[in-house]
Amino acid sequence: MEPVYRLNFAGSCEDEGMLTISDLDECLAAASALTGFASMTFPSDQPLGGFPIADATHPGGCAMHLLEVSKPNEEKRVRFYPNANGECGSNTFLCFCKERPESKVSTPAPSLVVPNAERTAGCWTCKPGDLCFKDVEWTMLHGFRVQPDWYSSGEIDESSCFEDVQMFLFQRQQNDRANWDGMLEHPIPSPCWKKQNDNYIANGFLFCR
């Protein structure tokens, strides 16, 4: 079975039920698979065996800086930190993680699976565990600073609520890929309209619908 790789924005790969990549060749393979660019390389200043950083300033394993994500594929560079012990997101580095091989005897708990009907009923406000939640989370925590040109229209800003940011990303994906390249989920769903009388805080974010 071919390995499956995922990007992780926060915590560790293991926190998300995945594995930290601990091999140089697999780091390149993961980055190539997730970017679609088969000729992915390490930066020229990376020492043989990876960068020697051994603290929490960088995530351990295979990582790419957020600023690299928006570059053309031929300019992207993945980095390897075999001894670092920081979390994904440290110094705005994303982790490349490997999904754990499926056990032949284990069966996913039905309660953790969102039925397709719920996602296709016309709206879906992204929830923790959804890839689209990570897209919205990244925008609210980092996007306005890292990619200000995306938000120069003034439709949303750092005071916007979760659903408004999700709607902005939904609308952005109506354009060609160059306008939303780097997002984890496509198509991102349209958020559900107001179900609460008042704004509220959940999962550390302001919700207003």
N, C-alpha and C. Protein backbone atom coordinates (compact mmCIF):
# COMPACT_ATOMS: atom_id res chain seq x y z
N MET A 1 0.84 -1.19 0.00
CA MET A 1 0.00 0.00 0.00
C MET A 1 0.88 1.25 0.00
N GLU A 2 0.55 2.19 -0.88
CA GLU A 2 1.31 3.43 -0.96
C GLU A 2 1.10 4.26 0.31
N PRO A 3 2.17 4.86 0.84
CA PRO A 3 2.00 5.70 2.03
C PRO A 3 1.18 6.95 1.70
N VAL A 4 0.47 7.45 2.70
CA VAL A 4 -0.33 8.66 2.54
C VAL A 4 0.25 9.73 3.46
N TYR A 5 0.44 10.92 2.91
CA TYR A 5 1.04 12.02 3.67
C TYR A 5 0.03 13.15 3.83
N ARG A 6 0.18 13.89 4.94
CA ARG A 6 -0.70 15.02 5.24
C ARG A 6 0.12 16.18 5.79
N LEU A 7 -0.40 17.40 5.60
CA LEU A 7 0.18 18.57 6.24
C LEU A 7 -0.44 18.75 7.63
N ASN A 8 0.35 19.22 8.57
CA ASN A 8 -0.15 19.48 9.91
C ASN A 8 0.29 20.88 10.33
N PHE A 9 -0.66 21.66 10.89
CA PHE A 9 -0.40 23.04 11.24
C PHE A 9 -0.06 23.26 12.71
N ALA A 10 -0.46 22.34 13.58
CA ALA A 10 -0.29 22.60 15.01
C ALA A 10 -0.09 21.29 15.75
N GLY A 11 0.50 21.38 16.96
CA GLY A 11 0.76 20.17 17.73
C GLY A 11 1.83 19.33 17.06
N SER A 12 1.70 18.03 17.18
CA SER A 12 2.65 17.12 16.53
C SER A 12 1.89 16.21 15.57
N CYS A 13 2.64 15.51 14.74
CA CYS A 13 2.01 14.54 13.84
C CYS A 13 1.27 13.50 14.67
N GLU A 14 1.89 13.08 15.76
CA GLU A 14 1.28 12.05 16.61
C GLU A 14 -0.01 12.54 17.27
N ASP A 15 -0.07 13.84 17.59
CA ASP A 15 -1.31 14.40 18.15
C ASP A 15 -2.48 14.21 17.20
N GLU A 16 -2.19 14.19 15.89
CA GLU A 16 -3.22 14.03 14.87
C GLU A 16 -3.38 12.58 14.43
N GLY A 17 -2.75 11.66 15.18
CA GLY A 17 -2.86 10.24 14.85
C GLY A 17 -1.97 9.81 13.70
N MET A 18 -0.95 10.62 13.40
CA MET A 18 -0.04 10.30 12.29
C MET A 18 1.37 10.07 12.82
N LEU A 19 2.31 9.94 11.93
CA LEU A 19 3.70 9.67 12.30
C LEU A 19 4.61 10.79 11.81
N THR A 20 5.60 11.14 12.64
CA THR A 20 6.63 12.09 12.23
C THR A 20 7.56 11.42 11.24
N ILE A 21 7.87 12.09 10.16
CA ILE A 21 8.78 11.54 9.15
C ILE A 21 10.21 11.70 9.64
N SER A 22 10.94 10.61 9.70
CA SER A 22 12.28 10.61 10.28
C SER A 22 13.35 10.19 9.28
N ASP A 23 13.03 10.24 8.00
CA ASP A 23 13.95 9.79 6.96
C ASP A 23 14.03 10.86 5.87
N LEU A 24 15.24 11.17 5.45
CA LEU A 24 15.46 12.21 4.44
C LEU A 24 14.74 11.91 3.14
N ASP A 25 14.89 10.70 2.65
CA ASP A 25 14.27 10.33 1.37
C ASP A 25 12.75 10.38 1.47
N GLU A 26 12.21 9.94 2.61
CA GLU A 26 10.76 9.99 2.75
C GLU A 26 10.27 11.42 2.89
N CYS A 27 11.08 12.29 3.44
CA CYS A 27 10.73 13.71 3.54
C CYS A 27 10.54 14.28 2.14
N LEU A 28 11.46 13.98 1.25
CA LEU A 28 11.34 14.44 -0.14
C LEU A 28 10.12 13.83 -0.82
N ALA A 29 9.88 12.55 -0.53
CA ALA A 29 8.73 11.87 -1.12
C ALA A 29 7.43 12.50 -0.66
N ALA A 30 7.34 12.83 0.63
CA ALA A 30 6.13 13.43 1.18
C ALA A 30 5.89 14.81 0.58
N ALA A 31 6.95 15.61 0.51
CA ALA A 31 6.81 16.96 -0.04
C ALA A 31 6.43 16.90 -1.52
N SER A 32 7.01 15.96 -2.24
CA SER A 32 6.68 15.81 -3.66
C SER A 32 5.23 15.40 -3.84
N ALA A 33 4.76 14.48 -2.98
CA ALA A 33 3.39 13.99 -3.09
C ALA A 33 2.38 15.08 -2.78
N LEU A 34 2.66 15.91 -1.78
CA LEU A 34 1.68 16.91 -1.35
C LEU A 34 1.70 18.17 -2.20
N THR A 35 2.82 18.46 -2.85
CA THR A 35 2.89 19.63 -3.73
C THR A 35 2.62 19.27 -5.18
N GLY A 36 2.73 17.96 -5.50
CA GLY A 36 2.58 17.54 -6.88
C GLY A 36 3.80 17.83 -7.72
N PHE A 37 4.90 18.18 -7.06
CA PHE A 37 6.15 18.52 -7.76
C PHE A 37 7.18 17.43 -7.50
N ALA A 38 7.46 16.63 -8.50
CA ALA A 38 8.29 15.44 -8.33
C ALA A 38 9.76 15.76 -8.07
N SER A 39 10.20 16.98 -8.40
CA SER A 39 11.62 17.33 -8.28
C SER A 39 11.92 18.16 -7.03
N MET A 40 11.13 17.96 -5.99
CA MET A 40 11.33 18.68 -4.73
C MET A 40 12.74 18.43 -4.19
N THR A 41 13.37 19.48 -3.66
CA THR A 41 14.72 19.36 -3.11
C THR A 41 14.80 20.07 -1.75
N PHE A 42 15.92 19.84 -1.07
CA PHE A 42 16.23 20.55 0.16
C PHE A 42 16.98 21.84 -0.20
N PRO A 43 16.99 22.83 0.68
CA PRO A 43 17.76 24.05 0.41
C PRO A 43 19.25 23.75 0.35
N SER A 44 19.97 24.55 -0.38
CA SER A 44 21.40 24.28 -0.59
C SER A 44 22.21 24.40 0.68
N ASP A 45 21.69 25.14 1.68
CA ASP A 45 22.45 25.30 2.92
C ASP A 45 22.13 24.23 3.96
N GLN A 46 21.27 23.26 3.60
CA GLN A 46 20.97 22.20 4.58
C GLN A 46 22.14 21.22 4.65
N PRO A 47 22.67 20.97 5.84
CA PRO A 47 23.78 20.03 5.98
C PRO A 47 23.35 18.60 5.65
N LEU A 48 24.30 17.77 5.33
CA LEU A 48 24.04 16.36 5.10
C LEU A 48 23.40 15.76 6.36
N GLY A 49 22.26 15.15 6.21
CA GLY A 49 21.56 14.59 7.35
C GLY A 49 20.52 15.51 7.95
N GLY A 50 20.45 16.76 7.47
CA GLY A 50 19.45 17.69 7.97
C GLY A 50 20.03 18.77 8.86
N PHE A 51 19.21 19.76 9.19
CA PHE A 51 19.66 20.85 10.05
C PHE A 51 19.85 20.34 11.48
N PRO A 52 20.92 20.77 12.16
CA PRO A 52 21.25 20.22 13.49
C PRO A 52 20.49 20.85 14.65
N ILE A 53 19.52 21.72 14.39
CA ILE A 53 18.77 22.37 15.47
C ILE A 53 18.16 21.31 16.39
N ALA A 54 18.36 21.48 17.69
CA ALA A 54 17.89 20.48 18.66
C ALA A 54 17.09 21.12 19.78
N ASP A 55 16.21 22.05 19.43
CA ASP A 55 15.37 22.70 20.44
C ASP A 55 13.95 22.81 19.91
N ALA A 56 13.12 23.61 20.59
CA ALA A 56 11.70 23.70 20.25
C ALA A 56 11.38 24.85 19.30
N THR A 57 12.42 25.47 18.72
CA THR A 57 12.17 26.59 17.81
C THR A 57 11.69 26.12 16.44
N HIS A 58 11.89 24.85 16.14
CA HIS A 58 11.47 24.28 14.87
C HIS A 58 10.80 22.93 15.12
N PRO A 59 9.87 22.55 14.25
CA PRO A 59 9.26 21.23 14.42
C PRO A 59 10.22 20.13 14.04
N GLY A 60 10.11 19.00 14.71
CA GLY A 60 10.96 17.87 14.37
C GLY A 60 10.48 17.18 13.11
N GLY A 61 11.42 16.66 12.34
CA GLY A 61 11.06 15.91 11.15
C GLY A 61 11.08 16.75 9.89
N CYS A 62 10.09 16.54 9.06
CA CYS A 62 10.01 17.12 7.72
C CYS A 62 9.09 18.35 7.75
N ALA A 63 9.57 19.49 7.25
CA ALA A 63 8.78 20.72 7.39
C ALA A 63 9.02 21.67 6.24
N MET A 64 8.07 22.59 6.06
CA MET A 64 8.19 23.63 5.04
C MET A 64 7.66 24.94 5.64
N HIS A 65 8.39 26.02 5.42
CA HIS A 65 7.97 27.31 5.93
C HIS A 65 6.74 27.81 5.18
N LEU A 66 5.86 28.53 5.89
CA LEU A 66 4.64 29.03 5.27
C LEU A 66 4.93 29.89 4.05
N LEU A 67 6.01 30.66 4.07
CA LEU A 67 6.33 31.51 2.93
C LEU A 67 6.70 30.69 1.71
N GLU A 68 7.19 29.47 1.92
CA GLU A 68 7.54 28.59 0.79
C GLU A 68 6.30 28.07 0.10
N VAL A 69 5.21 27.90 0.87
CA VAL A 69 4.01 27.27 0.33
C VAL A 69 3.45 28.03 -0.86
N SER A 70 3.51 29.36 -0.81
CA SER A 70 2.92 30.18 -1.87
C SER A 70 3.85 30.39 -3.07
N LYS A 71 5.08 29.87 -3.00
CA LYS A 71 6.01 30.03 -4.10
C LYS A 71 5.69 29.05 -5.24
N PRO A 72 6.15 29.34 -6.45
CA PRO A 72 6.03 28.34 -7.53
C PRO A 72 6.74 27.05 -7.10
N ASN A 73 6.25 25.91 -7.59
CA ASN A 73 6.79 24.63 -7.14
C ASN A 73 8.30 24.54 -7.29
N GLU A 74 8.82 25.06 -8.39
CA GLU A 74 10.26 24.91 -8.62
C GLU A 74 11.10 25.73 -7.64
N GLU A 75 10.45 26.65 -6.91
CA GLU A 75 11.18 27.44 -5.92
C GLU A 75 10.95 26.96 -4.49
N LYS A 76 10.01 26.05 -4.30
CA LYS A 76 9.74 25.52 -2.96
C LYS A 76 10.90 24.66 -2.48
N ARG A 77 11.17 24.69 -1.19
CA ARG A 77 12.20 23.85 -0.59
C ARG A 77 11.65 23.26 0.71
N VAL A 78 11.86 21.98 0.90
CA VAL A 78 11.46 21.33 2.14
C VAL A 78 12.69 21.18 3.01
N ARG A 79 12.50 21.18 4.32
CA ARG A 79 13.63 21.12 5.25
C ARG A 79 13.46 19.93 6.20
N PHE A 80 14.58 19.44 6.68
CA PHE A 80 14.57 18.27 7.56
C PHE A 80 15.28 18.62 8.85
N TYR A 81 14.56 18.42 9.98
CA TYR A 81 15.08 18.72 11.31
C TYR A 81 15.02 17.45 12.16
N PRO A 82 16.02 16.58 12.06
CA PRO A 82 15.96 15.29 12.77
C PRO A 82 16.00 15.38 14.28
N ASN A 83 16.55 16.48 14.82
CA ASN A 83 16.73 16.57 16.27
C ASN A 83 15.86 17.64 16.93
N ALA A 84 15.15 18.41 16.16
CA ALA A 84 14.30 19.46 16.74
C ALA A 84 13.12 18.83 17.46
N ASN A 85 12.56 19.55 18.44
CA ASN A 85 11.45 19.00 19.21
C ASN A 85 10.30 19.99 19.37
N GLY A 86 10.22 20.97 18.48
CA GLY A 86 9.10 21.92 18.52
C GLY A 86 7.86 21.33 17.89
N GLU A 87 6.73 22.02 18.07
CA GLU A 87 5.48 21.57 17.48
C GLU A 87 5.34 22.07 16.06
N CYS A 88 4.47 21.45 15.31
CA CYS A 88 4.13 21.95 13.98
C CYS A 88 3.57 23.35 14.15
N GLY A 89 4.00 24.26 13.33
CA GLY A 89 3.61 25.66 13.46
C GLY A 89 4.70 26.50 14.09
N SER A 90 5.68 25.87 14.75
CA SER A 90 6.79 26.61 15.35
C SER A 90 7.53 27.39 14.26
N ASN A 91 7.78 28.66 14.52
CA ASN A 91 8.47 29.51 13.55
C ASN A 91 7.75 29.51 12.20
N THR A 92 6.43 29.28 12.24
CA THR A 92 5.55 29.21 11.04
C THR A 92 6.03 28.17 10.03
N PHE A 93 6.45 27.01 10.55
CA PHE A 93 6.76 25.86 9.71
C PHE A 93 5.62 24.85 9.78
N LEU A 94 5.19 24.36 8.64
CA LEU A 94 4.21 23.29 8.57
C LEU A 94 4.92 21.95 8.56
N CYS A 95 4.32 20.95 9.15
CA CYS A 95 4.90 19.61 9.17
C CYS A 95 4.32 18.74 8.05
N PHE A 96 5.16 17.93 7.47
CA PHE A 96 4.70 16.85 6.60
C PHE A 96 4.65 15.59 7.46
N CYS A 97 3.48 14.99 7.56
CA CYS A 97 3.29 13.81 8.41
C CYS A 97 2.89 12.62 7.56
N LYS A 98 3.07 11.44 8.12
CA LYS A 98 2.70 10.20 7.44
C LYS A 98 1.55 9.54 8.17
N GLU A 99 0.51 9.17 7.43
CA GLU A 99 -0.60 8.47 8.05
C GLU A 99 -0.16 7.09 8.52
N ARG A 100 -0.68 6.67 9.66
CA ARG A 100 -0.37 5.34 10.17
C ARG A 100 -1.02 4.30 9.27
N PRO A 101 -0.32 3.20 9.00
CA PRO A 101 -0.93 2.13 8.20
C PRO A 101 -2.19 1.62 8.88
N GLU A 102 -3.22 1.36 8.11
CA GLU A 102 -4.47 0.87 8.67
C GLU A 102 -4.29 -0.54 9.21
N SER A 103 -4.86 -0.76 10.39
CA SER A 103 -4.85 -2.10 10.97
C SER A 103 -5.95 -2.94 10.34
N LYS A 104 -5.63 -4.16 10.01
CA LYS A 104 -6.62 -5.05 9.38
C LYS A 104 -7.73 -5.45 10.35
N VAL A 105 -7.46 -5.29 11.65
CA VAL A 105 -8.46 -5.75 12.61
C VAL A 105 -9.23 -4.59 13.24
N SER A 106 -8.80 -3.36 12.95
CA SER A 106 -9.49 -2.24 13.56
C SER A 106 -10.53 -1.68 12.62
N THR A 107 -11.58 -1.16 13.20
CA THR A 107 -12.66 -0.55 12.43
C THR A 107 -12.90 0.86 12.94
N PRO A 108 -12.90 1.88 12.08
CA PRO A 108 -13.12 3.25 12.54
C PRO A 108 -14.45 3.37 13.27
N ALA A 109 -14.46 4.17 14.32
CA ALA A 109 -15.69 4.38 15.08
C ALA A 109 -16.68 5.17 14.24
N PRO A 110 -17.88 4.66 14.03
CA PRO A 110 -18.85 5.38 13.20
C PRO A 110 -19.13 6.78 13.67
N SER A 111 -19.04 7.03 14.98
CA SER A 111 -19.37 8.36 15.50
C SER A 111 -18.38 9.42 15.05
N LEU A 112 -17.19 8.99 14.58
CA LEU A 112 -16.19 9.95 14.14
C LEU A 112 -16.31 10.28 12.66
N VAL A 113 -17.16 9.60 11.95
CA VAL A 113 -17.30 9.80 10.51
C VAL A 113 -18.49 10.71 10.25
N VAL A 114 -18.25 11.80 9.54
CA VAL A 114 -19.33 12.72 9.19
C VAL A 114 -20.02 12.20 7.95
N PRO A 115 -21.32 11.85 8.01
CA PRO A 115 -22.03 11.35 6.83
C PRO A 115 -21.98 12.37 5.71
N ASN A 116 -21.81 11.87 4.47
CA ASN A 116 -21.73 12.76 3.33
C ASN A 116 -22.96 13.65 3.21
N ALA A 117 -24.12 13.13 3.61
CA ALA A 117 -25.35 13.90 3.47
C ALA A 117 -25.28 15.21 4.24
N GLU A 118 -24.60 15.19 5.40
CA GLU A 118 -24.49 16.40 6.20
C GLU A 118 -23.62 17.44 5.51
N ARG A 119 -22.59 16.96 4.80
CA ARG A 119 -21.68 17.89 4.14
C ARG A 119 -22.28 18.42 2.84
N THR A 120 -23.26 17.74 2.30
CA THR A 120 -23.82 18.14 1.00
C THR A 120 -25.22 18.70 1.12
N ALA A 121 -25.66 19.01 2.33
CA ALA A 121 -27.02 19.50 2.54
C ALA A 121 -27.15 20.99 2.25
N GLY A 122 -26.14 21.63 1.73
CA GLY A 122 -26.21 23.04 1.38
C GLY A 122 -25.24 23.91 2.15
N CYS A 123 -24.84 23.47 3.33
CA CYS A 123 -23.87 24.24 4.11
C CYS A 123 -23.17 23.32 5.10
N TRP A 124 -22.01 23.76 5.55
CA TRP A 124 -21.27 23.02 6.57
C TRP A 124 -20.26 23.97 7.19
N THR A 125 -20.42 24.28 8.46
CA THR A 125 -19.43 25.08 9.17
C THR A 125 -18.32 24.14 9.63
N CYS A 126 -17.11 24.41 9.20
CA CYS A 126 -15.99 23.51 9.45
C CYS A 126 -15.77 23.29 10.94
N LYS A 127 -15.42 22.06 11.29
CA LYS A 127 -15.24 21.67 12.68
C LYS A 127 -13.84 21.09 12.88
N PRO A 128 -13.33 21.10 14.13
CA PRO A 128 -12.02 20.49 14.39
C PRO A 128 -11.99 19.06 13.84
N GLY A 129 -10.92 18.72 13.15
CA GLY A 129 -10.82 17.42 12.50
C GLY A 129 -11.06 17.51 11.01
N ASP A 130 -11.77 18.55 10.55
CA ASP A 130 -11.96 18.78 9.12
C ASP A 130 -10.72 19.48 8.56
N LEU A 131 -10.34 19.12 7.34
CA LEU A 131 -9.24 19.84 6.69
C LEU A 131 -9.60 21.31 6.52
N CYS A 132 -10.87 21.58 6.21
CA CYS A 132 -11.26 22.97 6.00
C CYS A 132 -11.14 23.78 7.28
N PHE A 133 -11.30 23.15 8.44
CA PHE A 133 -11.10 23.86 9.72
C PHE A 133 -9.67 24.36 9.80
N LYS A 134 -8.72 23.53 9.35
CA LYS A 134 -7.32 23.94 9.39
C LYS A 134 -7.06 25.09 8.42
N ASP A 135 -7.76 25.10 7.27
CA ASP A 135 -7.62 26.22 6.34
C ASP A 135 -8.07 27.52 6.98
N VAL A 136 -9.24 27.49 7.63
CA VAL A 136 -9.77 28.70 8.27
C VAL A 136 -8.89 29.09 9.45
N GLU A 137 -8.49 28.09 10.23
CA GLU A 137 -7.63 28.33 11.40
C GLU A 137 -6.33 29.02 10.98
N TRP A 138 -5.71 28.51 9.91
CA TRP A 138 -4.45 29.10 9.45
C TRP A 138 -4.66 30.54 9.02
N THR A 139 -5.75 30.81 8.31
CA THR A 139 -6.03 32.17 7.86
C THR A 139 -6.17 33.11 9.06
N MET A 140 -6.91 32.67 10.08
CA MET A 140 -7.17 33.54 11.22
C MET A 140 -5.94 33.74 12.10
N LEU A 141 -5.06 32.75 12.15
CA LEU A 141 -3.87 32.85 13.00
C LEU A 141 -2.66 33.43 12.28
N HIS A 142 -2.53 33.14 10.98
CA HIS A 142 -1.31 33.51 10.26
C HIS A 142 -1.54 34.26 8.95
N GLY A 143 -2.66 33.97 8.29
CA GLY A 143 -2.83 34.40 6.91
C GLY A 143 -2.73 35.89 6.68
N PHE A 144 -3.33 36.72 7.56
CA PHE A 144 -3.31 38.15 7.35
C PHE A 144 -1.90 38.72 7.40
N ARG A 145 -1.03 38.04 8.14
CA ARG A 145 0.36 38.50 8.24
C ARG A 145 1.23 37.92 7.15
N VAL A 146 1.03 36.64 6.83
CA VAL A 146 1.90 35.96 5.88
C VAL A 146 1.52 36.25 4.43
N GLN A 147 0.22 36.34 4.14
CA GLN A 147 -0.24 36.57 2.77
C GLN A 147 -1.22 37.75 2.73
N PRO A 148 -0.79 38.95 3.08
CA PRO A 148 -1.71 40.09 3.15
C PRO A 148 -2.38 40.41 1.82
N ASP A 149 -1.74 40.06 0.70
CA ASP A 149 -2.33 40.36 -0.60
C ASP A 149 -3.63 39.59 -0.82
N TRP A 150 -3.79 38.44 -0.17
CA TRP A 150 -5.03 37.67 -0.30
C TRP A 150 -6.22 38.45 0.25
N TYR A 151 -5.99 39.30 1.24
CA TYR A 151 -7.08 39.92 1.98
C TYR A 151 -7.14 41.43 1.78
N SER A 152 -6.47 41.92 0.74
CA SER A 152 -6.38 43.36 0.51
C SER A 152 -7.71 43.98 0.10
N SER A 153 -8.68 43.17 -0.28
CA SER A 153 -9.99 43.70 -0.67
C SER A 153 -10.76 44.27 0.51
N GLY A 154 -10.36 43.89 1.73
CA GLY A 154 -11.03 44.38 2.93
C GLY A 154 -12.30 43.63 3.28
N GLU A 155 -12.60 42.54 2.56
CA GLU A 155 -13.81 41.76 2.85
C GLU A 155 -13.75 41.12 4.24
N ILE A 156 -12.56 40.71 4.64
CA ILE A 156 -12.36 40.18 5.99
C ILE A 156 -11.08 40.76 6.54
N ASP A 157 -10.96 40.76 7.86
CA ASP A 157 -9.73 41.19 8.51
C ASP A 157 -9.55 40.38 9.78
N GLU A 158 -8.60 40.77 10.60
CA GLU A 158 -8.28 39.98 11.79
C GLU A 158 -9.39 39.98 12.83
N SER A 159 -10.38 40.86 12.68
CA SER A 159 -11.50 40.88 13.61
C SER A 159 -12.69 40.06 13.11
N SER A 160 -12.58 39.48 11.91
CA SER A 160 -13.69 38.74 11.32
C SER A 160 -13.95 37.44 12.06
N CYS A 161 -15.19 36.99 12.05
CA CYS A 161 -15.54 35.74 12.72
C CYS A 161 -15.22 34.54 11.83
N PHE A 162 -15.25 33.37 12.42
CA PHE A 162 -14.87 32.13 11.76
C PHE A 162 -15.67 31.91 10.48
N GLU A 163 -16.99 32.06 10.56
CA GLU A 163 -17.83 31.76 9.40
C GLU A 163 -17.58 32.74 8.26
N ASP A 164 -17.32 34.01 8.57
CA ASP A 164 -17.05 34.98 7.52
C ASP A 164 -15.73 34.66 6.81
N VAL A 165 -14.74 34.19 7.58
CA VAL A 165 -13.48 33.79 6.97
C VAL A 165 -13.69 32.56 6.10
N GLN A 166 -14.47 31.60 6.59
CA GLN A 166 -14.75 30.41 5.79
C GLN A 166 -15.48 30.78 4.49
N MET A 167 -16.45 31.70 4.56
CA MET A 167 -17.16 32.13 3.36
C MET A 167 -16.21 32.81 2.38
N PHE A 168 -15.28 33.61 2.90
CA PHE A 168 -14.30 34.26 2.04
C PHE A 168 -13.48 33.21 1.29
N LEU A 169 -13.04 32.16 2.01
CA LEU A 169 -12.24 31.11 1.36
C LEU A 169 -13.08 30.32 0.35
N PHE A 170 -14.34 30.08 0.71
CA PHE A 170 -15.27 29.42 -0.22
C PHE A 170 -15.38 30.23 -1.51
N GLN A 171 -15.56 31.53 -1.40
CA GLN A 171 -15.70 32.38 -2.58
C GLN A 171 -14.40 32.47 -3.36
N ARG A 172 -13.28 32.44 -2.66
CA ARG A 172 -11.98 32.51 -3.34
C ARG A 172 -11.77 31.29 -4.22
N GLN A 173 -12.28 30.14 -3.77
CA GLN A 173 -12.11 28.92 -4.56
C GLN A 173 -13.01 28.89 -5.80
N GLN A 174 -13.86 29.87 -5.97
CA GLN A 174 -14.65 29.94 -7.20
C GLN A 174 -13.79 30.44 -8.36
N ASN A 175 -12.59 30.94 -8.05
CA ASN A 175 -11.65 31.40 -9.07
C ASN A 175 -10.66 30.30 -9.41
N ASP A 176 -9.75 30.55 -10.32
CA ASP A 176 -8.80 29.50 -10.71
C ASP A 176 -7.84 29.22 -9.56
N ARG A 177 -7.15 28.10 -9.66
CA ARG A 177 -6.33 27.58 -8.56
C ARG A 177 -5.26 28.56 -8.09
N ALA A 178 -4.78 29.41 -8.97
CA ALA A 178 -3.74 30.36 -8.58
C ALA A 178 -4.21 31.27 -7.45
N ASN A 179 -5.54 31.41 -7.29
CA ASN A 179 -6.09 32.27 -6.25
C ASN A 179 -6.26 31.58 -4.90
N TRP A 180 -6.09 30.26 -4.86
CA TRP A 180 -6.26 29.57 -3.57
C TRP A 180 -5.27 28.43 -3.38
N ASP A 181 -4.23 28.40 -4.20
CA ASP A 181 -3.24 27.33 -4.09
C ASP A 181 -2.62 27.32 -2.70
N GLY A 182 -2.48 26.14 -2.13
CA GLY A 182 -1.93 25.99 -0.78
C GLY A 182 -2.98 25.61 0.24
N MET A 183 -4.28 25.78 -0.11
CA MET A 183 -5.34 25.36 0.81
C MET A 183 -5.41 23.84 0.84
N LEU A 184 -5.80 23.29 1.98
CA LEU A 184 -5.83 21.85 2.15
C LEU A 184 -7.07 21.20 1.57
N GLU A 185 -8.21 21.87 1.67
CA GLU A 185 -9.46 21.24 1.21
C GLU A 185 -10.04 21.97 0.01
N HIS A 186 -10.44 21.21 -0.97
CA HIS A 186 -11.16 21.75 -2.14
C HIS A 186 -12.16 20.70 -2.61
N PRO A 187 -13.43 21.07 -2.74
CA PRO A 187 -13.94 22.41 -2.45
C PRO A 187 -14.20 22.60 -0.97
N ILE A 188 -13.89 23.78 -0.46
CA ILE A 188 -14.23 24.10 0.91
C ILE A 188 -15.73 24.39 0.96
N PRO A 189 -16.45 23.90 1.97
CA PRO A 189 -17.90 24.10 1.99
C PRO A 189 -18.30 25.53 2.35
N SER A 190 -19.50 25.89 1.96
CA SER A 190 -20.07 27.17 2.36
C SER A 190 -20.57 27.03 3.80
N PRO A 191 -20.26 27.99 4.69
CA PRO A 191 -20.68 27.86 6.09
C PRO A 191 -22.19 28.01 6.23
N CYS A 192 -22.72 27.44 7.29
CA CYS A 192 -24.15 27.57 7.55
C CYS A 192 -24.46 28.96 8.09
N TRP A 193 -25.66 29.43 7.82
CA TRP A 193 -26.08 30.76 8.26
C TRP A 193 -26.45 30.76 9.73
N LYS A 194 -26.71 31.93 10.22
CA LYS A 194 -26.85 32.17 11.66
C LYS A 194 -27.82 31.21 12.33
N LYS A 195 -27.32 30.50 13.35
CA LYS A 195 -28.16 29.61 14.16
C LYS A 195 -28.18 30.04 15.62
N GLN A 196 -27.34 31.04 15.95
CA GLN A 196 -27.25 31.52 17.32
C GLN A 196 -27.72 32.98 17.38
N ASN A 197 -28.31 33.37 18.48
CA ASN A 197 -28.75 34.75 18.64
C ASN A 197 -27.57 35.69 18.87
N ASP A 198 -26.55 35.20 19.52
CA ASP A 198 -25.40 36.05 19.85
C ASP A 198 -24.11 35.40 19.37
N ASN A 199 -23.09 36.24 19.16
CA ASN A 199 -21.77 35.72 18.84
C ASN A 199 -21.26 34.90 20.02
N TYR A 200 -20.38 33.95 19.74
CA TYR A 200 -19.86 33.10 20.81
C TYR A 200 -18.46 32.63 20.46
N ILE A 201 -17.74 32.18 21.46
CA ILE A 201 -16.39 31.68 21.30
C ILE A 201 -16.40 30.16 21.37
N ALA A 202 -15.76 29.52 20.42
CA ALA A 202 -15.60 28.06 20.43
C ALA A 202 -14.26 27.71 19.80
N ASN A 203 -13.57 26.75 20.41
CA ASN A 203 -12.26 26.32 19.90
C ASN A 203 -11.29 27.47 19.74
N GLY A 204 -11.46 28.50 20.58
CA GLY A 204 -10.56 29.64 20.55
C GLY A 204 -10.85 30.68 19.49
N PHE A 205 -11.98 30.54 18.76
CA PHE A 205 -12.31 31.47 17.68
C PHE A 205 -13.69 32.08 17.88
N LEU A 206 -13.88 33.28 17.33
CA LEU A 206 -15.17 33.94 17.38
C LEU A 206 -16.08 33.40 16.28
N PHE A 207 -17.28 32.97 16.67
CA PHE A 207 -18.30 32.53 15.71
C PHE A 207 -19.45 33.51 15.75
N CYS A 208 -20.07 33.73 14.59
CA CYS A 208 -21.12 34.75 14.52
C CYS A 208 -22.34 34.30 13.74
N ARG A 209 -22.46 33.01 13.46
CA ARG A 209 -23.64 32.54 12.73
C ARG A 209 -24.26 31.35 13.45
